Amino acid sequence: RIPLSGAVHVVGFGKASLKMAQAVVDVLGDAVAGGVVISPVGGGRVGPVEVLRGDHPILGEDTLRASQRLLQYLESVGPEDLLFVLISGGGSALFEAPEEGVSLRDVAWLTGELMKRGADIVELNAVRKRLSRVKGGKLLRLIKTRRVVSLIMSDVVGGRLDTIASGPAAPDETTKEQAVAVLRRYGLWEEMPPHLRSAVLRSPDTVKPGDPHLQRVQNVVVASNLQSLLAASQHLADRGFNVVTLSAALEGEAREVGRVLASAAKSAAWFGHPAKPPAALLAGGETVVRVRGRGVGGRNQELCLSFAVAARGLPVSAACMGTDGVDGNSPAAGALVDGYTAEEAEKAGLNPLEHLDNNDSHTVFHKLGRSIYTGPTGTNVNDIFIALVYKT
């Protein structure tokens, strides 16, 4: 239970911040004195809470302006007031205040290069935290109140608080040495301008476990990928499927993961393992794409296209989508495939393997009418994969 004495303030950032703010205002009503949240879709208000637009997935001027306004608002929160901090996926790009000597362009360039070269979220954050005044628990140093409740929607495999939105209100154990190692791994350390290398090495350290600032915050995870998988599992079981959740920690190269998931579908179809048809195989997490081509697509569609090639002829239908409604540089959230998709593509004059090599999965699915379009969903709990294996 959280005592509501003192004024109640709300700040937030992430793809779900708008809906999270609405939920807080709906529950607390007139107790909310004000606030600022940053969303990919900004403008207007939720009760007394301002909604500002930020940039995603690459940092931009809107994020910088909105972040400055949010930090300005925090100055009005008194030491005995109650502050809700609403954190969700996408917060790393939507909320930023670069360290002294680091420009927004610097952070955007470095983040973009790491993403293009296949860095995962943990690697990205190890670097971003060195260049930010608010990531890695540093936001807590800018908050005056001793009463902070951080409500978190997890978009990170494993739900690590130090990784979600780069852990602005959580302890961080990464080091500058780890950040340098990531940059070397992806061939960026020598490419970086000298002032950026200096910033990585000399920036103020992140908030470590045991730091007194952590005593003022209570972190609560309110939604996660695992919860969504459990709900989907129950829904499918109620409809007669034999359900197996293969993993809630799906990671790796999207096309490789697609092949592995297809092998699980083959095993179910041919041997009744890990479940007898009608079977539902579920998985959740977040894969990565190493960009080699110049096509249109994303990790979910790339996984689906790889799955379709490997599952050719199987009595299976499958879908993979981002719960935020966005997949890569495409307008789709994901795609729907079955055992005939690869053949269907070839009959339409499309070569699935060539499109995979060009990172152009969306072109295939759009032409076949197999794309999943939802638009921004206002939530973000990673990606969900579902394969339905039928009796032959």
Protein backbone atom coordinates (compact mmCIF):
# COMPACT_ATOMS: atom_id res chain seq x y z
CA ARG A 1 0.00 0.00 0.00
CA ILE A 2 1.19 3.50 -0.85
CA PRO A 3 0.12 6.43 1.39
CA LEU A 4 -1.24 9.32 -0.69
CA SER A 5 -0.17 12.09 1.69
CA GLY A 6 1.31 15.15 0.04
CA ALA A 7 0.86 16.15 -3.58
CA VAL A 8 0.89 13.33 -6.16
CA HIS A 9 2.90 13.84 -9.34
CA VAL A 10 3.28 11.68 -12.46
CA VAL A 11 6.16 11.55 -14.92
CA GLY A 12 6.81 8.88 -17.50
CA PHE A 13 8.42 7.89 -20.76
CA GLY A 14 8.04 4.98 -23.15
CA LYS A 15 5.68 3.52 -25.70
CA ALA A 16 3.11 2.74 -23.01
CA SER A 17 3.45 5.97 -21.02
CA LEU A 18 0.23 7.50 -22.35
CA LYS A 19 -1.95 4.53 -21.37
CA MET A 20 -0.10 4.10 -18.08
CA ALA A 21 -0.71 7.75 -17.22
CA GLN A 22 -4.38 7.36 -18.08
CA ALA A 23 -4.60 4.37 -15.73
CA VAL A 24 -3.00 6.30 -12.85
CA VAL A 25 -5.31 9.28 -13.39
CA ASP A 26 -8.35 6.98 -13.63
CA VAL A 27 -7.48 5.36 -10.30
CA LEU A 28 -6.28 8.39 -8.33
CA GLY A 29 -8.50 11.06 -9.88
CA ASP A 30 -8.21 14.50 -8.29
CA ALA A 31 -5.31 13.36 -6.11
CA VAL A 32 -2.98 13.82 -9.10
CA ALA A 33 -1.62 17.37 -9.02
CA GLY A 34 0.13 17.24 -12.38
CA GLY A 35 2.88 15.67 -14.40
CA VAL A 36 4.64 15.17 -17.71
CA VAL A 37 4.87 12.01 -19.81
CA ILE A 38 6.72 11.46 -23.09
CA SER A 39 5.19 9.23 -25.75
CA PRO A 40 5.79 8.47 -29.45
CA VAL A 41 2.34 9.99 -29.98
CA GLY A 42 2.33 13.24 -28.02
CA GLY A 43 0.14 16.29 -27.66
CA GLY A 44 -2.69 17.14 -25.30
CA ARG A 45 -3.23 16.11 -21.71
CA VAL A 46 -4.42 13.21 -19.60
CA GLY A 47 -6.25 15.07 -16.87
CA PRO A 48 -3.60 17.34 -15.29
CA VAL A 49 -0.72 15.44 -16.93
CA GLU A 50 0.98 16.91 -20.02
CA VAL A 51 1.64 14.48 -22.88
CA LEU A 52 4.67 15.38 -24.99
CA ARG A 53 5.98 13.76 -28.14
CA GLY A 54 9.44 12.18 -28.29
CA ASP A 55 11.41 10.48 -31.05
CA HIS A 56 11.68 6.71 -31.45
CA PRO A 57 13.67 4.57 -32.20
CA ILE A 58 16.41 7.13 -32.93
CA LEU A 59 16.87 10.18 -30.70
CA GLY A 60 15.81 13.54 -32.06
CA GLU A 61 15.09 17.12 -31.08
CA ASP A 62 11.55 16.30 -29.91
CA THR A 63 12.99 13.92 -27.31
CA LEU A 64 15.48 16.53 -26.14
CA ARG A 65 12.80 19.23 -25.75
CA ALA A 66 10.35 16.88 -24.02
CA SER A 67 13.05 15.59 -21.68
CA GLN A 68 14.06 19.11 -20.69
CA ARG A 69 10.43 19.87 -19.88
CA LEU A 70 10.11 16.70 -17.77
CA LEU A 71 13.29 17.52 -15.83
CA GLN A 72 12.02 21.07 -15.34
CA TYR A 73 8.78 19.67 -13.93
CA LEU A 74 10.70 17.49 -11.47
CA GLU A 75 12.11 20.65 -9.91
CA SER A 76 8.57 21.48 -8.71
CA VAL A 77 8.16 18.16 -6.85
CA GLY A 78 8.72 18.75 -3.14
CA PRO A 79 10.64 16.45 -0.76
CA GLU A 80 7.45 15.10 0.87
CA ASP A 81 5.43 14.72 -2.34
CA LEU A 82 4.66 11.35 -3.94
CA LEU A 83 6.12 10.83 -7.41
CA PHE A 84 5.03 8.08 -9.79
CA VAL A 85 7.57 7.34 -12.53
CA LEU A 86 5.99 5.37 -15.40
CA ILE A 87 8.60 3.42 -17.36
CA SER A 88 8.10 1.30 -20.46
CA GLY A 89 9.97 0.08 -23.50
CA GLY A 90 11.21 2.76 -25.84
CA GLY A 91 12.06 4.98 -22.91
CA SER A 92 15.74 4.96 -23.81
CA ALA A 93 15.04 6.94 -26.99
CA LEU A 94 12.09 8.95 -25.68
CA PHE A 95 13.83 10.31 -22.57
CA GLU A 96 17.39 11.56 -22.70
CA ALA A 97 19.67 14.22 -21.29
CA PRO A 98 23.20 13.78 -22.65
CA GLU A 99 26.22 14.26 -20.41
CA GLU A 100 28.18 17.48 -20.73
CA GLY A 101 30.18 17.59 -23.96
CA VAL A 102 27.96 15.01 -25.66
CA SER A 103 25.45 16.12 -28.27
CA LEU A 104 22.13 14.59 -29.21
CA ARG A 105 23.61 13.84 -32.63
CA ASP A 106 26.47 11.94 -30.97
CA VAL A 107 24.10 9.70 -29.02
CA ALA A 108 21.79 9.16 -32.01
CA TRP A 109 24.68 8.23 -34.30
CA LEU A 110 26.25 5.82 -31.84
CA THR A 111 22.93 4.18 -30.96
CA GLY A 112 22.02 3.81 -34.63
CA GLU A 113 25.37 2.23 -35.49
CA LEU A 114 25.14 -0.26 -32.63
CA MET A 115 21.62 -1.26 -33.68
CA LYS A 116 22.63 -1.69 -37.33
CA ARG A 117 25.53 -3.91 -36.33
CA GLY A 118 23.36 -6.24 -34.26
CA ALA A 119 23.98 -5.13 -30.67
CA ASP A 120 21.39 -6.46 -28.24
CA ILE A 121 19.58 -4.35 -25.65
CA VAL A 122 22.05 -5.11 -22.84
CA GLU A 123 24.98 -4.06 -25.02
CA LEU A 124 23.18 -0.93 -26.18
CA ASN A 125 22.43 0.13 -22.64
CA ALA A 126 25.97 -0.47 -21.40
CA VAL A 127 27.07 2.24 -23.83
CA ARG A 128 24.09 4.60 -23.55
CA LYS A 129 24.39 4.82 -19.76
CA ARG A 130 27.89 6.28 -20.05
CA LEU A 131 26.64 9.18 -22.17
CA SER A 132 23.47 10.07 -20.24
CA ARG A 133 22.57 12.11 -17.14
CA VAL A 134 19.38 10.09 -16.55
CA LYS A 135 20.13 6.46 -17.42
CA GLY A 136 21.65 3.85 -15.13
CA GLY A 137 19.86 5.16 -12.03
CA LYS A 138 21.14 8.70 -12.56
CA LEU A 139 17.59 10.10 -12.76
CA LEU A 140 17.32 9.55 -9.00
CA ARG A 141 20.06 12.13 -8.46
CA LEU A 142 17.80 14.74 -10.08
CA ILE A 143 14.73 13.99 -7.93
CA LYS A 144 14.18 15.83 -4.63
CA THR A 145 11.33 13.81 -3.16
CA ARG A 146 12.03 10.88 -0.87
CA ARG A 147 8.88 9.06 -2.06
CA VAL A 148 9.22 7.59 -5.55
CA VAL A 149 7.17 4.71 -6.95
CA SER A 150 8.39 3.43 -10.29
CA LEU A 151 5.74 1.47 -12.23
CA ILE A 152 7.44 -0.55 -14.96
CA MET A 153 6.15 -2.33 -18.05
CA SER A 154 8.93 -4.74 -18.99
CA ASP A 155 10.05 -5.04 -22.61
CA VAL A 156 13.30 -6.80 -21.69
CA VAL A 157 13.99 -10.52 -21.71
CA GLY A 158 14.27 -11.53 -18.06
CA GLY A 159 12.70 -8.28 -16.84
CA ARG A 160 15.95 -6.78 -15.54
CA LEU A 161 15.19 -3.38 -14.03
CA ASP A 162 18.60 -2.04 -15.00
CA THR A 163 17.85 -2.72 -18.67
CA ILE A 164 14.25 -1.51 -19.13
CA ALA A 165 14.49 2.00 -20.63
CA SER A 166 18.18 1.86 -19.59
CA GLY A 167 17.24 1.65 -15.90
CA PRO A 168 16.73 5.32 -14.98
CA ALA A 169 15.57 4.49 -11.44
CA ALA A 170 17.39 1.20 -10.84
CA PRO A 171 20.87 0.22 -9.65
CA ASP A 172 23.37 -0.49 -12.40
CA GLU A 173 26.38 -2.79 -12.38
CA THR A 174 27.79 -2.04 -15.83
CA THR A 175 31.20 -0.40 -16.06
CA LYS A 176 32.99 1.84 -18.49
CA GLU A 177 35.22 -1.14 -19.31
CA GLN A 178 32.16 -3.10 -20.45
CA ALA A 179 31.03 -0.17 -22.59
CA VAL A 180 34.43 0.01 -24.26
CA ALA A 181 34.37 -3.75 -24.85
CA VAL A 182 30.98 -3.47 -26.60
CA LEU A 183 32.22 -0.64 -28.81
CA ARG A 184 35.33 -2.62 -29.75
CA ARG A 185 33.26 -5.73 -30.45
CA TYR A 186 31.25 -3.88 -33.08
CA GLY A 187 34.20 -2.01 -34.55
CA LEU A 188 33.11 1.40 -33.29
CA TRP A 189 35.74 2.36 -30.72
CA GLU A 190 38.28 3.47 -33.31
CA GLU A 191 35.58 5.04 -35.51
CA MET A 192 34.29 7.28 -32.72
CA PRO A 193 35.47 10.89 -32.52
CA PRO A 194 37.92 11.55 -29.64
CA HIS A 195 35.44 13.54 -27.56
CA LEU A 196 33.03 10.57 -27.50
CA ARG A 197 35.75 8.16 -26.41
CA SER A 198 36.64 10.63 -23.67
CA ALA A 199 32.99 10.87 -22.57
CA VAL A 200 32.68 7.09 -22.27
CA LEU A 201 35.80 6.96 -20.10
CA ARG A 202 35.22 10.05 -17.92
CA SER A 203 31.45 10.43 -17.48
CA PRO A 204 30.01 10.23 -13.93
CA ASP A 205 29.45 6.64 -12.89
CA THR A 206 26.02 5.06 -12.78
CA VAL A 207 24.15 4.46 -9.50
CA LYS A 208 25.47 1.26 -7.94
CA PRO A 209 23.71 -1.17 -5.57
CA GLY A 210 23.71 0.25 -2.05
CA ASP A 211 23.66 3.87 -3.20
CA PRO A 212 21.58 6.00 -0.74
CA HIS A 213 19.50 7.39 -3.64
CA LEU A 214 17.97 3.93 -4.08
CA GLN A 215 16.33 4.11 -0.65
CA ARG A 216 13.77 6.60 -1.95
CA VAL A 217 12.42 4.43 -4.80
CA GLN A 218 10.11 1.43 -4.93
CA ASN A 219 10.28 -0.36 -8.32
CA VAL A 220 7.21 -2.41 -9.32
CA VAL A 221 6.90 -4.43 -12.56
CA VAL A 222 3.24 -4.22 -13.60
CA ALA A 223 3.35 -6.08 -16.95
CA SER A 224 5.74 -8.43 -18.77
CA ASN A 225 6.13 -10.76 -21.72
CA LEU A 226 5.65 -13.79 -19.49
CA GLN A 227 2.27 -12.49 -18.35
CA SER A 228 1.18 -12.09 -21.97
CA LEU A 229 2.35 -15.63 -22.79
CA LEU A 230 0.41 -17.04 -19.84
CA ALA A 231 -2.74 -15.26 -21.02
CA ALA A 232 -2.27 -16.53 -24.59
CA SER A 233 -1.59 -20.03 -23.30
CA GLN A 234 -4.83 -20.09 -21.32
CA HIS A 235 -6.78 -18.73 -24.30
CA LEU A 236 -5.47 -21.47 -26.60
CA ALA A 237 -5.91 -24.23 -24.01
CA ASP A 238 -9.55 -23.21 -23.61
CA ARG A 239 -9.93 -23.81 -27.35
CA GLY A 240 -8.62 -27.36 -27.26
CA PHE A 241 -4.94 -26.93 -28.13
CA ASN A 242 -2.17 -28.78 -26.33
CA VAL A 243 -0.06 -25.80 -25.32
CA VAL A 244 3.67 -25.67 -24.71
CA THR A 245 5.56 -22.48 -23.97
CA LEU A 246 8.98 -23.10 -25.48
CA SER A 247 10.65 -20.04 -24.01
CA ALA A 248 9.95 -16.67 -22.45
CA ALA A 249 13.55 -15.65 -23.09
CA LEU A 250 13.84 -15.87 -26.87
CA GLU A 251 17.03 -14.21 -28.11
CA GLY A 252 19.50 -14.50 -30.98
CA GLU A 253 19.61 -13.78 -34.71
CA ALA A 254 16.01 -13.68 -36.00
CA ARG A 255 16.55 -15.95 -39.01
CA GLU A 256 18.37 -18.55 -36.89
CA VAL A 257 15.63 -18.50 -34.26
CA GLY A 258 13.06 -18.92 -37.04
CA ARG A 259 14.74 -22.14 -38.15
CA VAL A 260 14.90 -23.46 -34.58
CA LEU A 261 11.20 -22.76 -34.03
CA ALA A 262 10.38 -24.50 -37.32
CA SER A 263 12.26 -27.57 -36.08
CA ALA A 264 10.08 -27.58 -32.95
CA ALA A 265 6.98 -27.45 -35.16
CA LYS A 266 8.33 -30.37 -37.23
CA SER A 267 8.90 -32.38 -34.07
CA ALA A 268 5.34 -31.75 -32.93
CA ALA A 269 3.91 -32.64 -36.35
CA TRP A 270 6.02 -35.77 -36.89
CA PHE A 271 6.54 -37.15 -33.38
CA GLY A 272 3.98 -35.45 -31.13
CA HIS A 273 6.74 -33.82 -29.12
CA PRO A 274 6.84 -31.44 -27.28
CA ALA A 275 3.05 -31.57 -27.76
CA LYS A 276 0.65 -33.69 -29.78
CA PRO A 277 -1.43 -31.97 -32.48
CA PRO A 278 -3.52 -29.95 -32.25
CA ALA A 279 -0.59 -28.22 -30.61
CA ALA A 280 0.17 -24.60 -29.83
CA LEU A 281 3.84 -23.70 -29.46
CA LEU A 282 4.45 -20.32 -27.82
CA ALA A 283 7.57 -18.27 -27.31
CA GLY A 284 8.38 -14.73 -26.29
CA GLY A 285 11.39 -12.49 -26.12
CA GLU A 286 13.30 -10.32 -28.54
CA THR A 287 15.59 -11.38 -31.36
CA VAL A 288 17.97 -9.17 -33.34
CA VAL A 289 18.67 -8.63 -37.03
CA ARG A 290 22.14 -8.09 -38.39
CA VAL A 291 21.45 -5.69 -41.22
CA ARG A 292 23.15 -6.81 -44.41
CA GLY A 293 20.77 -5.49 -47.06
CA ARG A 294 18.66 -2.43 -47.77
CA GLY A 295 15.19 -3.91 -47.66
CA VAL A 296 12.13 -3.22 -45.52
CA GLY A 297 11.35 -5.48 -42.58
CA GLY A 298 12.02 -6.21 -38.94
CA ARG A 299 13.00 -8.99 -36.58
CA ASN A 300 9.51 -10.50 -36.37
CA GLN A 301 8.96 -10.62 -40.12
CA GLU A 302 12.48 -11.92 -40.70
CA LEU A 303 11.85 -14.67 -38.17
CA CYS A 304 8.56 -15.52 -39.88
CA LEU A 305 10.11 -15.68 -43.35
CA SER A 306 12.90 -17.94 -42.10
CA PHE A 307 10.29 -20.10 -40.34
CA ALA A 308 8.21 -20.32 -43.53
CA VAL A 309 11.18 -21.56 -45.57
CA ALA A 310 12.10 -24.19 -42.97
CA ALA A 311 8.48 -25.28 -42.33
CA ARG A 312 7.59 -25.81 -46.01
CA GLY A 313 4.87 -28.44 -46.35
CA LEU A 314 4.12 -28.75 -42.63
CA PRO A 315 0.53 -28.63 -41.29
CA VAL A 316 1.30 -25.47 -39.36
CA SER A 317 0.38 -21.81 -39.21
CA ALA A 318 2.45 -19.31 -37.25
CA ALA A 319 2.65 -15.64 -36.38
CA CYS A 320 5.26 -13.46 -34.77
CA MET A 321 4.69 -9.82 -33.89
CA GLY A 322 5.89 -7.00 -31.72
CA THR A 323 3.41 -6.19 -28.98
CA ASP A 324 4.07 -2.49 -29.56
CA GLY A 325 2.74 -2.76 -33.11
CA VAL A 326 6.07 -1.86 -34.71
CA ASP A 327 8.58 -4.11 -36.44
CA GLY A 328 11.84 -2.65 -37.69
CA ASN A 329 11.65 -0.08 -40.47
CA SER A 330 8.33 -1.41 -41.75
CA PRO A 331 4.74 -0.27 -41.05
CA ALA A 332 3.78 -3.77 -39.89
CA ALA A 333 3.84 -5.38 -36.45
CA GLY A 334 4.71 -8.83 -37.79
CA ALA A 335 3.45 -11.50 -40.16
CA LEU A 336 1.35 -14.65 -40.49
CA VAL A 337 2.77 -17.71 -42.29
CA ASP A 338 2.02 -21.38 -42.84
CA GLY A 339 3.50 -24.45 -44.51
CA TYR A 340 2.62 -23.11 -47.95
CA THR A 341 3.94 -19.55 -47.66
CA ALA A 342 7.33 -20.25 -49.25
CA GLU A 343 5.69 -21.94 -52.24
CA GLU A 344 3.14 -19.14 -52.50
CA ALA A 345 5.96 -16.58 -52.58
CA GLU A 346 7.78 -18.43 -55.34
CA LYS A 347 4.63 -18.61 -57.44
CA ALA A 348 4.35 -14.83 -57.05
CA GLY A 349 7.88 -14.44 -58.43
CA LEU A 350 9.49 -13.84 -55.03
CA ASN A 351 12.58 -15.67 -53.80
CA PRO A 352 12.30 -15.96 -49.99
CA LEU A 353 16.02 -16.58 -49.46
CA GLU A 354 17.02 -13.57 -51.55
CA HIS A 355 14.61 -11.39 -49.60
CA LEU A 356 16.06 -12.72 -46.33
CA ASP A 357 19.57 -11.86 -47.49
CA ASN A 358 18.40 -8.32 -48.33
CA ASN A 359 16.53 -7.94 -45.00
CA ASP A 360 13.41 -7.41 -47.12
CA SER A 361 10.85 -9.65 -45.44
CA HIS A 362 8.10 -7.03 -45.41
CA THR A 363 8.05 -6.83 -49.21
CA VAL A 364 7.24 -10.54 -49.37
CA PHE A 365 4.49 -10.46 -46.77
CA HIS A 366 2.94 -7.26 -48.05
CA LYS A 367 2.64 -8.68 -51.57
CA LEU A 368 1.18 -11.92 -50.23
CA GLY A 369 -1.28 -10.14 -47.93
CA ARG A 370 0.27 -11.78 -44.87
CA SER A 371 1.46 -8.73 -42.96
CA ILE A 372 -0.02 -7.95 -39.54
CA TYR A 373 -0.89 -4.26 -39.18
CA THR A 374 -2.03 -2.91 -35.83
CA GLY A 375 -0.51 0.55 -35.62
CA PRO A 376 0.99 1.63 -32.28
CA THR A 377 -0.70 -0.41 -29.57
CA GLY A 378 0.26 1.70 -26.57
CA THR A 379 1.89 -1.25 -24.86
CA ASN A 380 5.26 -2.97 -25.13
CA VAL A 381 6.14 -6.36 -23.66
CA ASN A 382 8.57 -7.69 -26.29
CA ASP A 383 7.55 -10.02 -29.11
CA ILE A 384 5.23 -13.02 -29.17
CA PHE A 385 5.50 -16.09 -31.41
CA ILE A 386 2.66 -18.61 -31.79
CA ALA A 387 2.67 -21.72 -33.99
CA LEU A 388 -0.42 -23.90 -34.36
CA VAL A 389 0.37 -27.46 -35.47
CA TYR A 390 -2.57 -29.45 -36.80
CA LYS A 391 -3.30 -33.14 -37.21
CA THR A 392 -2.52 -34.53 -40.66
